[in-house]
Protein backbone atom coordinates (compact mmCIF):
# COMPACT_ATOMS: atom_id res chain seq x y z
CA UNK A 1 57.89 116.78 110.45
CA UNK A 2 59.04 115.45 113.77
CA UNK A 3 62.09 116.24 115.95
CA UNK A 4 64.48 113.22 116.63
CA UNK A 5 67.42 113.30 119.13
CA UNK A 6 70.66 111.91 117.97
CA UNK A 7 73.44 111.42 120.51
CA UNK A 8 77.07 110.15 120.57
CA UNK A 9 77.36 106.99 122.76
CA UNK A 10 79.81 105.46 125.20
CA UNK A 11 79.83 101.67 125.51
CA UNK A 12 82.10 98.88 126.74
CA UNK A 13 83.70 96.72 124.02
CA UNK A 14 82.79 93.12 124.87
CA UNK A 15 85.96 91.81 123.25
CA UNK A 16 88.52 94.15 124.85
CA UNK A 17 86.71 95.43 127.88
CA UNK A 18 87.68 99.02 126.89
CA UNK A 19 85.30 101.93 127.00
CA UNK A 20 84.66 103.22 123.43
CA UNK A 21 82.81 106.07 121.98
CA UNK A 22 80.80 106.33 118.76
CA UNK A 23 82.23 108.65 116.14
CA UNK A 24 78.66 109.49 114.95
CA UNK A 25 75.33 110.28 116.36
CA UNK A 26 72.63 107.74 116.66
CA UNK A 27 69.07 107.49 117.99
CA UNK A 28 68.37 105.74 121.33
CA UNK A 29 66.88 102.71 119.45
CA UNK A 30 69.84 102.49 117.00
CA UNK A 31 72.39 102.51 119.82
CA UNK A 32 70.48 99.90 121.81
CA UNK A 33 70.57 97.64 118.71
CA UNK A 34 74.28 98.08 118.02
CA UNK A 35 75.97 98.31 121.50
CA UNK A 36 75.75 96.61 124.87
CA UNK A 37 74.52 99.03 127.50
CA UNK A 38 75.16 102.29 125.62
CA UNK A 39 75.36 105.51 127.62
CA UNK A 40 74.67 108.92 126.20
CA UNK A 41 77.64 111.40 126.10
CA UNK A 42 76.26 114.55 127.59
CA UNK A 43 76.50 117.66 125.47
CA UNK A 44 76.59 115.65 122.10
CA UNK A 45 72.94 115.73 121.33
CA UNK A 46 71.81 116.89 117.89
CA UNK A 47 68.20 117.67 117.28
CA UNK A 48 67.21 116.76 113.70
CA UNK A 49 63.89 117.34 111.83
CA UNK A 50 62.77 114.11 110.14
CA UNK A 51 60.02 113.95 107.49
CA UNK A 52 57.30 111.44 108.60
CA UNK A 53 56.41 110.68 105.01
CA UNK A 54 60.05 110.27 103.78
CA UNK A 55 60.58 106.94 102.01
CA UNK A 56 63.54 104.81 103.28
CA UNK A 57 65.82 104.07 100.39
CA UNK A 58 68.66 102.57 102.26
CA UNK A 59 67.98 98.92 101.06
CA UNK A 60 68.14 100.15 97.46
CA UNK A 61 71.36 102.09 98.03
CA UNK A 62 73.31 99.01 99.20
CA UNK A 63 71.79 96.62 96.66
CA UNK A 64 74.46 94.58 94.88
CA UNK A 65 74.97 95.19 91.18
CA UNK A 66 73.65 92.52 88.82
CA UNK A 67 76.21 89.86 87.87
CA UNK A 68 77.46 90.09 84.26
CA UNK A 69 80.20 88.17 82.39
CA UNK A 70 82.76 90.93 82.78
CA UNK A 71 82.29 91.77 86.47
CA UNK A 72 82.78 95.36 87.81
CA UNK A 73 85.76 97.35 86.46
CA UNK A 74 87.22 97.26 89.96
CA UNK A 75 87.26 93.48 89.97
CA UNK A 76 88.77 93.13 86.49
CA UNK A 77 92.36 92.28 87.21
CA UNK A 78 94.38 89.59 85.46
CA UNK A 79 95.82 86.93 87.63
CA UNK A 80 99.32 87.98 86.67
CA UNK A 81 100.88 90.64 88.77
CA UNK A 82 101.16 94.10 87.24
CA UNK A 83 98.63 93.35 84.43
CA UNK A 84 95.13 94.69 84.39
CA UNK A 85 92.28 94.08 81.97
CA UNK A 86 90.68 97.00 80.37
CA UNK A 87 86.85 97.32 80.88
CA UNK A 88 84.87 97.38 77.59
CA UNK A 89 82.48 100.18 77.29
CA UNK A 90 80.05 100.46 74.59
């Protein structure tokens, strides 16, 4: 197990020029990849224990579902307003 520092960050939005703050904590490397010139917000650090041998499953979590002829139940809507197709289960 190793200890990793997670911080909330302050950065300038390049599109608007406004100073923004992250809603969640990131490591220094994550913040540097996502935001231009991020600055730590003092007092926001969380120290987490991370298992060195843990397997990263993130790519599998966000993997798209295989295509099928019906599509997902959320996508099964008839073109006519107010009508929905019922998903077949079986």
